[in-house]
Amino acid sequence: VEISFVHSNSNAGNPLTDVHEGLIGETELHFSDSYDLTAIDCLFMCS
């Protein structure tokens, strides 16, 4: 698996580790306020 985006309107632009602090050192990904459904193979809906 490769993670393309993690969408969150309220956290857009912030590092994932600002919210999920247990991931410190695991990822440099940031939350996004946009998404491209044509660029991924699988979408997880966690709302």
ModelCIF file with pLDDT and N, C-alpha, C, O atoms, coordinates in Angstrom:
data_MODEL
#
_entry.id   MODEL 
#
_entity.id                         1 
_entity.type                       polymer 
_entity.pdbx_number_of_molecules   1 
#
_entity_poly.entity_id                      1 
_entity_poly.type                           'polypeptide(L)' 
_entity_poly.nstd_linkage                   no 
_entity_poly.nstd_monomer                   no 
_entity_poly.pdbx_seq_one_letter_code       VEISFVHSNSNAGNPLTDVHEGLIGETELHFSDSYDLTAIDCLFMCS 
_entity_poly.pdbx_seq_one_letter_code_can   VEISFVHSNSNAGNPLTDVHEGLIGETELHFSDSYDLTAIDCLFMCS 
_entity_poly.pdbx_strand_id                 A 
#
loop_
_entity_poly_seq.entity_id 
_entity_poly_seq.num 
_entity_poly_seq.mon_id 
_entity_poly_seq.hetero 
1 1  VAL n 
1 2  GLU n 
1 3  ILE n 
1 4  SER n 
1 5  PHE n 
1 6  VAL n 
1 7  HIS n 
1 8  SER n 
1 9  ASN n 
1 10 SER n 
1 11 ASN n 
1 12 ALA n 
1 13 GLY n 
1 14 ASN n 
1 15 PRO n 
1 16 LEU n 
1 17 THR n 
1 18 ASP n 
1 19 VAL n 
1 20 HIS n 
1 21 GLU n 
1 22 GLY n 
1 23 LEU n 
1 24 ILE n 
1 25 GLY n 
1 26 GLU n 
1 27 THR n 
1 28 GLU n 
1 29 LEU n 
1 30 HIS n 
1 31 PHE n 
1 32 SER n 
1 33 ASP n 
1 34 SER n 
1 35 TYR n 
1 36 ASP n 
1 37 LEU n 
1 38 THR n 
1 39 ALA n 
1 40 ILE n 
1 41 ASP n 
1 42 CYS n 
1 43 LEU n 
1 44 PHE n 
1 45 MET n 
1 46 CYS n 
1 47 SER n 
#
_struct_asym.id          A 
_struct_asym.entity_id   1 
#
loop_
_ma_qa_metric.id 
_ma_qa_metric.mode 
_ma_qa_metric.name 
_ma_qa_metric.software_group_id 
_ma_qa_metric.type 
1 global pLDDT . pLDDT 
2 local  pLDDT . pLDDT 
#
_ma_qa_metric_global.metric_id      1 
_ma_qa_metric_global.metric_value   96.62 
_ma_qa_metric_global.model_id       1 
_ma_qa_metric_global.ordinal_id     1 
#
loop_
_ma_qa_metric_local.label_asym_id 
_ma_qa_metric_local.label_comp_id 
_ma_qa_metric_local.label_seq_id 
_ma_qa_metric_local.metric_id 
_ma_qa_metric_local.metric_value 
_ma_qa_metric_local.model_id 
_ma_qa_metric_local.ordinal_id 
A VAL 1  2 98.00 1 1  
A GLU 2  2 98.00 1 2  
A ILE 3  2 98.00 1 3  
A SER 4  2 98.00 1 4  
A PHE 5  2 98.00 1 5  
A VAL 6  2 98.00 1 6  
A HIS 7  2 98.00 1 7  
A SER 8  2 95.00 1 8  
A ASN 9  2 89.00 1 9  
A SER 10 2 90.00 1 10 
A ASN 11 2 95.00 1 11 
A ALA 12 2 95.00 1 12 
A GLY 13 2 95.00 1 13 
A ASN 14 2 97.00 1 14 
A PRO 15 2 97.00 1 15 
A LEU 16 2 98.00 1 16 
A THR 17 2 97.00 1 17 
A ASP 18 2 97.00 1 18 
A VAL 19 2 96.00 1 19 
A HIS 20 2 97.00 1 20 
A GLU 21 2 96.00 1 21 
A GLY 22 2 95.00 1 22 
A LEU 23 2 97.00 1 23 
A ILE 24 2 97.00 1 24 
A GLY 25 2 97.00 1 25 
A GLU 26 2 96.00 1 26 
A THR 27 2 97.00 1 27 
A GLU 28 2 96.00 1 28 
A LEU 29 2 97.00 1 29 
A HIS 30 2 98.00 1 30 
A PHE 31 2 98.00 1 31 
A SER 32 2 97.00 1 32 
A ASP 33 2 94.00 1 33 
A SER 34 2 95.00 1 34 
A TYR 35 2 97.00 1 35 
A ASP 36 2 97.00 1 36 
A LEU 37 2 98.00 1 37 
A THR 38 2 98.00 1 38 
A ALA 39 2 97.00 1 39 
A ILE 40 2 98.00 1 40 
A ASP 41 2 98.00 1 41 
A CYS 42 2 98.00 1 42 
A LEU 43 2 98.00 1 43 
A PHE 44 2 98.00 1 44 
A MET 45 2 98.00 1 45 
A CYS 46 2 97.00 1 46 
A SER 47 2 95.00 1 47 
#
loop_
_atom_site.group_PDB 
_atom_site.id 
_atom_site.type_symbol 
_atom_site.label_atom_id 
_atom_site.label_alt_id 
_atom_site.label_comp_id 
_atom_site.label_asym_id 
_atom_site.label_entity_id 
_atom_site.label_seq_id 
_atom_site.pdbx_PDB_ins_code 
_atom_site.Cartn_x 
_atom_site.Cartn_y 
_atom_site.Cartn_z 
_atom_site.occupancy 
_atom_site.B_iso_or_equiv 
_atom_site.pdbx_formal_charge 
_atom_site.auth_seq_id 
_atom_site.auth_comp_id 
_atom_site.auth_asym_id 
_atom_site.auth_atom_id 
_atom_site.pdbx_PDB_model_num 
ATOM 1   N N  . VAL A 1 1  ? 0.821   -1.213 0.000   1.00 98.00 ? 1  VAL A N  1 
ATOM 2   C CA . VAL A 1 1  ? 0.000   0.000  0.000   1.00 98.00 ? 1  VAL A CA 1 
ATOM 3   C C  . VAL A 1 1  ? 0.852   1.259  0.000   1.00 98.00 ? 1  VAL A C  1 
ATOM 4   O O  . VAL A 1 1  ? 1.868   1.346  0.689   1.00 98.00 ? 1  VAL A O  1 
ATOM 5   N N  . GLU A 1 2  ? 0.413   2.230  -0.789  1.00 98.00 ? 2  GLU A N  1 
ATOM 6   C CA . GLU A 1 2  ? 0.941   3.596  -0.732  1.00 98.00 ? 2  GLU A CA 1 
ATOM 7   C C  . GLU A 1 2  ? -0.226  4.537  -0.440  1.00 98.00 ? 2  GLU A C  1 
ATOM 8   O O  . GLU A 1 2  ? -1.247  4.487  -1.125  1.00 98.00 ? 2  GLU A O  1 
ATOM 9   N N  . ILE A 1 3  ? -0.083  5.386  0.564   1.00 98.00 ? 3  ILE A N  1 
ATOM 10  C CA . ILE A 1 3  ? -1.149  6.319  0.936   1.00 98.00 ? 3  ILE A CA 1 
ATOM 11  C C  . ILE A 1 3  ? -1.006  7.592  0.108   1.00 98.00 ? 3  ILE A C  1 
ATOM 12  O O  . ILE A 1 3  ? 0.019   8.271  0.172   1.00 98.00 ? 3  ILE A O  1 
ATOM 13  N N  . SER A 1 4  ? -2.044  7.912  -0.672  1.00 98.00 ? 4  SER A N  1 
ATOM 14  C CA . SER A 1 4  ? -1.995  9.083  -1.552  1.00 98.00 ? 4  SER A CA 1 
ATOM 15  C C  . SER A 1 4  ? -2.496  10.347 -0.865  1.00 98.00 ? 4  SER A C  1 
ATOM 16  O O  . SER A 1 4  ? -1.922  11.421 -1.050  1.00 98.00 ? 4  SER A O  1 
ATOM 17  N N  . PHE A 1 5  ? -3.556  10.233 -0.076  1.00 98.00 ? 5  PHE A N  1 
ATOM 18  C CA . PHE A 1 5  ? -4.064  11.404 0.650   1.00 98.00 ? 5  PHE A CA 1 
ATOM 19  C C  . PHE A 1 5  ? -4.839  10.963 1.880   1.00 98.00 ? 5  PHE A C  1 
ATOM 20  O O  . PHE A 1 5  ? -5.392  9.864  1.933   1.00 98.00 ? 5  PHE A O  1 
ATOM 21  N N  . VAL A 1 6  ? -4.865  11.850 2.869   1.00 98.00 ? 6  VAL A N  1 
ATOM 22  C CA . VAL A 1 6  ? -5.680  11.686 4.075   1.00 98.00 ? 6  VAL A CA 1 
ATOM 23  C C  . VAL A 1 6  ? -6.466  12.976 4.222   1.00 98.00 ? 6  VAL A C  1 
ATOM 24  O O  . VAL A 1 6  ? -5.905  14.018 4.561   1.00 98.00 ? 6  VAL A O  1 
ATOM 25  N N  . HIS A 1 7  ? -7.762  12.903 3.966   1.00 98.00 ? 7  HIS A N  1 
ATOM 26  C CA . HIS A 1 7  ? -8.582  14.108 3.894   1.00 98.00 ? 7  HIS A CA 1 
ATOM 27  C C  . HIS A 1 7  ? -9.161  14.466 5.254   1.00 98.00 ? 7  HIS A C  1 
ATOM 28  O O  . HIS A 1 7  ? -9.681  13.607 5.966   1.00 98.00 ? 7  HIS A O  1 
ATOM 29  N N  . SER A 1 8  ? -9.066  15.749 5.608   1.00 95.00 ? 8  SER A N  1 
ATOM 30  C CA . SER A 1 8  ? -9.715  16.283 6.802   1.00 95.00 ? 8  SER A CA 1 
ATOM 31  C C  . SER A 1 8  ? -9.858  17.782 6.639   1.00 95.00 ? 8  SER A C  1 
ATOM 32  O O  . SER A 1 8  ? -8.861  18.502 6.591   1.00 95.00 ? 8  SER A O  1 
ATOM 33  N N  . ASN A 1 9  ? -11.092 18.258 6.553   1.00 89.00 ? 9  ASN A N  1 
ATOM 34  C CA . ASN A 1 9  ? -11.314 19.699 6.390   1.00 89.00 ? 9  ASN A CA 1 
ATOM 35  C C  . ASN A 1 9  ? -10.775 20.490 7.570   1.00 89.00 ? 9  ASN A C  1 
ATOM 36  O O  . ASN A 1 9  ? -10.178 21.550 7.382   1.00 89.00 ? 9  ASN A O  1 
ATOM 37  N N  . SER A 1 10 ? -10.975 19.991 8.782   1.00 90.00 ? 10 SER A N  1 
ATOM 38  C CA . SER A 1 10 ? -10.603 20.755 9.981   1.00 90.00 ? 10 SER A CA 1 
ATOM 39  C C  . SER A 1 10 ? -9.105  20.738 10.249  1.00 90.00 ? 10 SER A C  1 
ATOM 40  O O  . SER A 1 10 ? -8.609  21.569 11.010  1.00 90.00 ? 10 SER A O  1 
ATOM 41  N N  . ASN A 1 11 ? -8.368  19.801 9.635   1.00 95.00 ? 11 ASN A N  1 
ATOM 42  C CA . ASN A 1 11 ? -6.932  19.697 9.894   1.00 95.00 ? 11 ASN A CA 1 
ATOM 43  C C  . ASN A 1 11 ? -6.085  19.908 8.645   1.00 95.00 ? 11 ASN A C  1 
ATOM 44  O O  . ASN A 1 11 ? -4.883  19.641 8.665   1.00 95.00 ? 11 ASN A O  1 
ATOM 45  N N  . ALA A 1 12 ? -6.681  20.375 7.579   1.00 95.00 ? 12 ALA A N  1 
ATOM 46  C CA . ALA A 1 12 ? -5.976  20.498 6.302   1.00 95.00 ? 12 ALA A CA 1 
ATOM 47  C C  . ALA A 1 12 ? -4.679  21.289 6.454   1.00 95.00 ? 12 ALA A C  1 
ATOM 48  O O  . ALA A 1 12 ? -4.652  22.367 7.048   1.00 95.00 ? 12 ALA A O  1 
ATOM 49  N N  . GLY A 1 13 ? -3.604  20.726 5.901   1.00 95.00 ? 13 GLY A N  1 
ATOM 50  C CA . GLY A 1 13 ? -2.294  21.363 5.939   1.00 95.00 ? 13 GLY A CA 1 
ATOM 51  C C  . GLY A 1 13 ? -1.441  20.970 7.117   1.00 95.00 ? 13 GLY A C  1 
ATOM 52  O O  . GLY A 1 13 ? -0.228  21.180 7.101   1.00 95.00 ? 13 GLY A O  1 
ATOM 53  N N  . ASN A 1 14 ? -2.051  20.403 8.138   1.00 97.00 ? 14 ASN A N  1 
ATOM 54  C CA . ASN A 1 14 ? -1.306  20.015 9.333   1.00 97.00 ? 14 ASN A CA 1 
ATOM 55  C C  . ASN A 1 14 ? -0.717  18.615 9.177   1.00 97.00 ? 14 ASN A C  1 
ATOM 56  O O  . ASN A 1 14 ? -1.285  17.782 8.470   1.00 97.00 ? 14 ASN A O  1 
ATOM 57  N N  . PRO A 1 15 ? 0.405   18.348 9.822   1.00 97.00 ? 15 PRO A N  1 
ATOM 58  C CA . PRO A 1 15 ? 0.954   16.980 9.791   1.00 97.00 ? 15 PRO A CA 1 
ATOM 59  C C  . PRO A 1 15 ? -0.014  15.992 10.439  1.00 97.00 ? 15 PRO A C  1 
ATOM 60  O O  . PRO A 1 15 ? -0.724  16.334 11.384  1.00 97.00 ? 15 PRO A O  1 
ATOM 61  N N  . LEU A 1 16 ? -0.034  14.770 9.923   1.00 98.00 ? 16 LEU A N  1 
ATOM 62  C CA . LEU A 1 16 ? -0.865  13.735 10.547  1.00 98.00 ? 16 LEU A CA 1 
ATOM 63  C C  . LEU A 1 16 ? -0.512  13.564 12.014  1.00 98.00 ? 16 LEU A C  1 
ATOM 64  O O  . LEU A 1 16 ? -1.376  13.267 12.839  1.00 98.00 ? 16 LEU A O  1 
ATOM 65  N N  . THR A 1 17 ? 0.762   13.751 12.335  1.00 97.00 ? 17 THR A N  1 
ATOM 66  C CA . THR A 1 17 ? 1.226   13.521 13.703  1.00 97.00 ? 17 THR A CA 1 
ATOM 67  C C  . THR A 1 17 ? 0.735   14.581 14.683  1.00 97.00 ? 17 THR A C  1 
ATOM 68  O O  . THR A 1 17 ? 0.873   14.399 15.893  1.00 97.00 ? 17 THR A O  1 
ATOM 69  N N  . ASP A 1 18 ? 0.165   15.687 14.194  1.00 97.00 ? 18 ASP A N  1 
ATOM 70  C CA . ASP A 1 18 ? -0.457  16.655 15.104  1.00 97.00 ? 18 ASP A CA 1 
ATOM 71  C C  . ASP A 1 18 ? -1.685  16.045 15.774  1.00 97.00 ? 18 ASP A C  1 
ATOM 72  O O  . ASP A 1 18 ? -2.013  16.379 16.913  1.00 97.00 ? 18 ASP A O  1 
ATOM 73  N N  . VAL A 1 19 ? -2.356  15.152 15.057  1.00 96.00 ? 19 VAL A N  1 
ATOM 74  C CA . VAL A 1 19 ? -3.558  14.495 15.578  1.00 96.00 ? 19 VAL A CA 1 
ATOM 75  C C  . VAL A 1 19 ? -3.235  13.088 16.063  1.00 96.00 ? 19 VAL A C  1 
ATOM 76  O O  . VAL A 1 19 ? -3.588  12.706 17.178  1.00 96.00 ? 19 VAL A O  1 
ATOM 77  N N  . HIS A 1 20 ? -2.563  12.327 15.213  1.00 97.00 ? 20 HIS A N  1 
ATOM 78  C CA . HIS A 1 20 ? -2.225  10.934 15.535  1.00 97.00 ? 20 HIS A CA 1 
ATOM 79  C C  . HIS A 1 20 ? -0.771  10.899 16.031  1.00 97.00 ? 20 HIS A C  1 
ATOM 80  O O  . HIS A 1 20 ? 0.144   10.533 15.294  1.00 97.00 ? 20 HIS A O  1 
ATOM 81  N N  . GLU A 1 21 ? -0.588  11.281 17.272  1.00 96.00 ? 21 GLU A N  1 
ATOM 82  C CA . GLU A 1 21 ? 0.755   11.473 17.803  1.00 96.00 ? 21 GLU A CA 1 
ATOM 83  C C  . GLU A 1 21 ? 1.551   10.173 17.892  1.00 96.00 ? 21 GLU A C  1 
ATOM 84  O O  . GLU A 1 21 ? 2.781   10.201 17.933  1.00 96.00 ? 21 GLU A O  1 
ATOM 85  N N  . GLY A 1 22 ? 0.862   9.045  17.922  1.00 95.00 ? 22 GLY A N  1 
ATOM 86  C CA . GLY A 1 22 ? 1.549   7.765  17.944  1.00 95.00 ? 22 GLY A CA 1 
ATOM 87  C C  . GLY A 1 22 ? 2.282   7.461  16.644  1.00 95.00 ? 22 GLY A C  1 
ATOM 88  O O  . GLY A 1 22 ? 3.047   6.499  16.575  1.00 95.00 ? 22 GLY A O  1 
ATOM 89  N N  . LEU A 1 23 ? 2.054   8.276  15.608  1.00 97.00 ? 23 LEU A N  1 
ATOM 90  C CA . LEU A 1 23 ? 2.715   8.064  14.315  1.00 97.00 ? 23 LEU A CA 1 
ATOM 91  C C  . LEU A 1 23 ? 3.975   8.903  14.154  1.00 97.00 ? 23 LEU A C  1 
ATOM 92  O O  . LEU A 1 23 ? 4.559   8.933  13.071  1.00 97.00 ? 23 LEU A O  1 
ATOM 93  N N  . ILE A 1 24 ? 4.404   9.585  15.215  1.00 97.00 ? 24 ILE A N  1 
ATOM 94  C CA . ILE A 1 24 ? 5.639   10.360 15.137  1.00 97.00 ? 24 ILE A CA 1 
ATOM 95  C C  . ILE A 1 24 ? 6.797   9.436  14.753  1.00 97.00 ? 24 ILE A C  1 
ATOM 96  O O  . ILE A 1 24 ? 7.009   8.395  15.374  1.00 97.00 ? 24 ILE A O  1 
ATOM 97  N N  . GLY A 1 25 ? 7.530   9.830  13.736  1.00 97.00 ? 25 GLY A N  1 
ATOM 98  C CA . GLY A 1 25 ? 8.631   9.021  13.238  1.00 97.00 ? 25 GLY A CA 1 
ATOM 99  C C  . GLY A 1 25 ? 8.223   8.004  12.203  1.00 97.00 ? 25 GLY A C  1 
ATOM 100 O O  . GLY A 1 25 ? 9.075   7.336  11.616  1.00 97.00 ? 25 GLY A O  1 
ATOM 101 N N  . GLU A 1 26 ? 6.899   7.873  11.964  1.00 96.00 ? 26 GLU A N  1 
ATOM 102 C CA . GLU A 1 26 ? 6.398   6.888  11.004  1.00 96.00 ? 26 GLU A CA 1 
ATOM 103 C C  . GLU A 1 26 ? 6.057   7.509  9.653   1.00 96.00 ? 26 GLU A C  1 
ATOM 104 O O  . GLU A 1 26 ? 6.093   6.825  8.631   1.00 96.00 ? 26 GLU A O  1 
ATOM 105 N N  . THR A 1 27 ? 5.726   8.811  9.640   1.00 97.00 ? 27 THR A N  1 
ATOM 106 C CA . THR A 1 27 ? 5.255   9.418  8.397   1.00 97.00 ? 27 THR A CA 1 
ATOM 107 C C  . THR A 1 27 ? 5.474   10.926 8.416   1.00 97.00 ? 27 THR A C  1 
ATOM 108 O O  . THR A 1 27 ? 5.483   11.558 9.473   1.00 97.00 ? 27 THR A O  1 
ATOM 109 N N  . GLU A 1 28 ? 5.650   11.490 7.217   1.00 96.00 ? 28 GLU A N  1 
ATOM 110 C CA . GLU A 1 28 ? 5.734   12.943 7.044   1.00 96.00 ? 28 GLU A CA 1 
ATOM 111 C C  . GLU A 1 28 ? 4.489   13.476 6.326   1.00 96.00 ? 28 GLU A C  1 
ATOM 112 O O  . GLU A 1 28 ? 4.453   14.639 5.924   1.00 96.00 ? 28 GLU A O  1 
ATOM 113 N N  . LEU A 1 29 ? 3.481   12.635 6.167   1.00 97.00 ? 29 LEU A N  1 
ATOM 114 C CA . LEU A 1 29 ? 2.269   13.044 5.459   1.00 97.00 ? 29 LEU A CA 1 
ATOM 115 C C  . LEU A 1 29 ? 1.528   14.153 6.196   1.00 97.00 ? 29 LEU A C  1 
ATOM 116 O O  . LEU A 1 29 ? 1.598   14.266 7.420   1.00 97.00 ? 29 LEU A O  1 
ATOM 117 N N  . HIS A 1 30 ? 0.803   14.982 5.406   1.00 98.00 ? 30 HIS A N  1 
ATOM 118 C CA . HIS A 1 30 ? -0.044  16.030 5.949   1.00 98.00 ? 30 HIS A CA 1 
ATOM 119 C C  . HIS A 1 30 ? -1.502  15.766 5.559   1.00 98.00 ? 30 HIS A C  1 
ATOM 120 O O  . HIS A 1 30 ? -1.783  15.118 4.550   1.00 98.00 ? 30 HIS A O  1 
ATOM 121 N N  . PHE A 1 31 ? -2.407  16.273 6.368   1.00 98.00 ? 31 PHE A N  1 
ATOM 122 C CA . PHE A 1 31 ? -3.819  16.231 6.003   1.00 98.00 ? 31 PHE A CA 1 
ATOM 123 C C  . PHE A 1 31 ? -4.066  17.128 4.796   1.00 98.00 ? 31 PHE A C  1 
ATOM 124 O O  . PHE A 1 31 ? -3.393  18.140 4.601   1.00 98.00 ? 31 PHE A O  1 
ATOM 125 N N  . SER A 1 32 ? -5.055  16.728 3.989   1.00 97.00 ? 32 SER A N  1 
ATOM 126 C CA . SER A 1 32 ? -5.397  17.480 2.781   1.00 97.00 ? 32 SER A CA 1 
ATOM 127 C C  . SER A 1 32 ? -6.859  17.888 2.820   1.00 97.00 ? 32 SER A C  1 
ATOM 128 O O  . SER A 1 32 ? -7.691  17.200 3.413   1.00 97.00 ? 32 SER A O  1 
ATOM 129 N N  . ASP A 1 33 ? -7.170  19.021 2.181   1.00 94.00 ? 33 ASP A N  1 
ATOM 130 C CA . ASP A 1 33 ? -8.575  19.419 2.038   1.00 94.00 ? 33 ASP A CA 1 
ATOM 131 C C  . ASP A 1 33 ? -9.091  19.106 0.635   1.00 94.00 ? 33 ASP A C  1 
ATOM 132 O O  . ASP A 1 33 ? -10.196 19.508 0.269   1.00 94.00 ? 33 ASP A O  1 
ATOM 133 N N  . SER A 1 34 ? -8.278  18.382 -0.153  1.00 95.00 ? 34 SER A N  1 
ATOM 134 C CA . SER A 1 34 ? -8.687  17.996 -1.503  1.00 95.00 ? 34 SER A CA 1 
ATOM 135 C C  . SER A 1 34 ? -8.381  16.523 -1.712  1.00 95.00 ? 34 SER A C  1 
ATOM 136 O O  . SER A 1 34 ? -7.661  15.906 -0.926  1.00 95.00 ? 34 SER A O  1 
ATOM 137 N N  . TYR A 1 35 ? -8.939  15.964 -2.786  1.00 97.00 ? 35 TYR A N  1 
ATOM 138 C CA . TYR A 1 35 ? -8.721  14.555 -3.087  1.00 97.00 ? 35 TYR A CA 1 
ATOM 139 C C  . TYR A 1 35 ? -8.956  14.326 -4.576  1.00 97.00 ? 35 TYR A C  1 
ATOM 140 O O  . TYR A 1 35 ? -9.767  15.004 -5.207  1.00 97.00 ? 35 TYR A O  1 
ATOM 141 N N  . ASP A 1 36 ? -8.233  13.364 -5.118  1.00 97.00 ? 36 ASP A N  1 
ATOM 142 C CA . ASP A 1 36 ? -8.402  12.968 -6.519  1.00 97.00 ? 36 ASP A CA 1 
ATOM 143 C C  . ASP A 1 36 ? -8.759  11.491 -6.533  1.00 97.00 ? 36 ASP A C  1 
ATOM 144 O O  . ASP A 1 36 ? -7.892  10.632 -6.373  1.00 97.00 ? 36 ASP A O  1 
ATOM 145 N N  . LEU A 1 37 ? -10.030 11.203 -6.724  1.00 98.00 ? 37 LEU A N  1 
ATOM 146 C CA . LEU A 1 37 ? -10.497 9.816  -6.677  1.00 98.00 ? 37 LEU A CA 1 
ATOM 147 C C  . LEU A 1 37 ? -10.028 9.013  -7.880  1.00 98.00 ? 37 LEU A C  1 
ATOM 148 O O  . LEU A 1 37 ? -10.038 7.782  -7.843  1.00 98.00 ? 37 LEU A O  1 
ATOM 149 N N  . THR A 1 38 ? -9.618  9.694  -8.948  1.00 98.00 ? 38 THR A N  1 
ATOM 150 C CA . THR A 1 38 ? -9.146  8.983  -10.145 1.00 98.00 ? 38 THR A CA 1 
ATOM 151 C C  . THR A 1 38 ? -7.705  8.497  -9.987  1.00 98.00 ? 38 THR A C  1 
ATOM 152 O O  . THR A 1 38 ? -7.230  7.694  -10.790 1.00 98.00 ? 38 THR A O  1 
ATOM 153 N N  . ALA A 1 39 ? -7.005  8.981  -8.949  1.00 97.00 ? 39 ALA A N  1 
ATOM 154 C CA . ALA A 1 39 ? -5.580  8.667  -8.782  1.00 97.00 ? 39 ALA A CA 1 
ATOM 155 C C  . ALA A 1 39 ? -5.340  7.538  -7.778  1.00 97.00 ? 39 ALA A C  1 
ATOM 156 O O  . ALA A 1 39 ? -4.192  7.206  -7.484  1.00 97.00 ? 39 ALA A O  1 
ATOM 157 N N  . ILE A 1 40 ? -6.414  6.949  -7.249  1.00 98.00 ? 40 ILE A N  1 
ATOM 158 C CA . ILE A 1 40 ? -6.246  5.894  -6.244  1.00 98.00 ? 40 ILE A CA 1 
ATOM 159 C C  . ILE A 1 40 ? -7.010  4.638  -6.668  1.00 98.00 ? 40 ILE A C  1 
ATOM 160 O O  . ILE A 1 40 ? -7.874  4.673  -7.544  1.00 98.00 ? 40 ILE A O  1 
ATOM 161 N N  . ASP A 1 41 ? -6.661  3.537  -6.020  1.00 98.00 ? 41 ASP A N  1 
ATOM 162 C CA . ASP A 1 41 ? -7.310  2.253  -6.288  1.00 98.00 ? 41 ASP A CA 1 
ATOM 163 C C  . ASP A 1 41 ? -8.362  1.909  -5.246  1.00 98.00 ? 41 ASP A C  1 
ATOM 164 O O  . ASP A 1 41 ? -9.310  1.176  -5.526  1.00 98.00 ? 41 ASP A O  1 
ATOM 165 N N  . CYS A 1 42 ? -8.185  2.450  -4.029  1.00 98.00 ? 42 CYS A N  1 
ATOM 166 C CA . CYS A 1 42 ? -9.087  2.097  -2.931  1.00 98.00 ? 42 CYS A CA 1 
ATOM 167 C C  . CYS A 1 42 ? -9.312  3.319  -2.052  1.00 98.00 ? 42 CYS A C  1 
ATOM 168 O O  . CYS A 1 42 ? -8.367  4.030  -1.712  1.00 98.00 ? 42 CYS A O  1 
ATOM 169 N N  . LEU A 1 43 ? -10.566 3.560  -1.687  1.00 98.00 ? 43 LEU A N  1 
ATOM 170 C CA . LEU A 1 43 ? -10.928 4.679  -0.811  1.00 98.00 ? 43 LEU A CA 1 
ATOM 171 C C  . LEU A 1 43 ? -11.531 4.135  0.468   1.00 98.00 ? 43 LEU A C  1 
ATOM 172 O O  . LEU A 1 43 ? -12.479 3.350  0.439   1.00 98.00 ? 43 LEU A O  1 
ATOM 173 N N  . PHE A 1 44 ? -10.964 4.565  1.610   1.00 98.00 ? 44 PHE A N  1 
ATOM 174 C CA . PHE A 1 44 ? -11.520 4.227  2.918   1.00 98.00 ? 44 PHE A CA 1 
ATOM 175 C C  . PHE A 1 44 ? -12.343 5.410  3.414   1.00 98.00 ? 44 PHE A C  1 
ATOM 176 O O  . PHE A 1 44 ? -11.864 6.544  3.447   1.00 98.00 ? 44 PHE A O  1 
ATOM 177 N N  . MET A 1 45 ? -13.584 5.133  3.798   1.00 98.00 ? 45 MET A N  1 
ATOM 178 C CA . MET A 1 45 ? -14.482 6.161  4.310   1.00 98.00 ? 45 MET A CA 1 
ATOM 179 C C  . MET A 1 45 ? -14.541 6.026  5.835   1.00 98.00 ? 45 MET A C  1 
ATOM 180 O O  . MET A 1 45 ? -15.083 5.049  6.351   1.00 98.00 ? 45 MET A O  1 
ATOM 181 N N  . CYS A 1 46 ? -13.984 7.007  6.552   1.00 97.00 ? 46 CYS A N  1 
ATOM 182 C CA . CYS A 1 46 ? -13.895 6.941  8.020   1.00 97.00 ? 46 CYS A CA 1 
ATOM 183 C C  . CYS A 1 46 ? -14.665 8.063  8.698   1.00 97.00 ? 46 CYS A C  1 
ATOM 184 O O  . CYS A 1 46 ? -14.445 8.330  9.880   1.00 97.00 ? 46 CYS A O  1 
ATOM 185 N N  . SER A 1 47 ? -15.556 8.720  7.982   1.00 95.00 ? 47 SER A N  1 
ATOM 186 C CA . SER A 1 47 ? -16.338 9.799  8.573   1.00 95.00 ? 47 SER A CA 1 
ATOM 187 C C  . SER A 1 47 ? -17.488 9.230  9.390   1.00 95.00 ? 47 SER A C  1 
ATOM 188 O O  . SER A 1 47 ? -18.266 9.987  9.971   1.00 95.00 ? 47 SER A O  1 
#
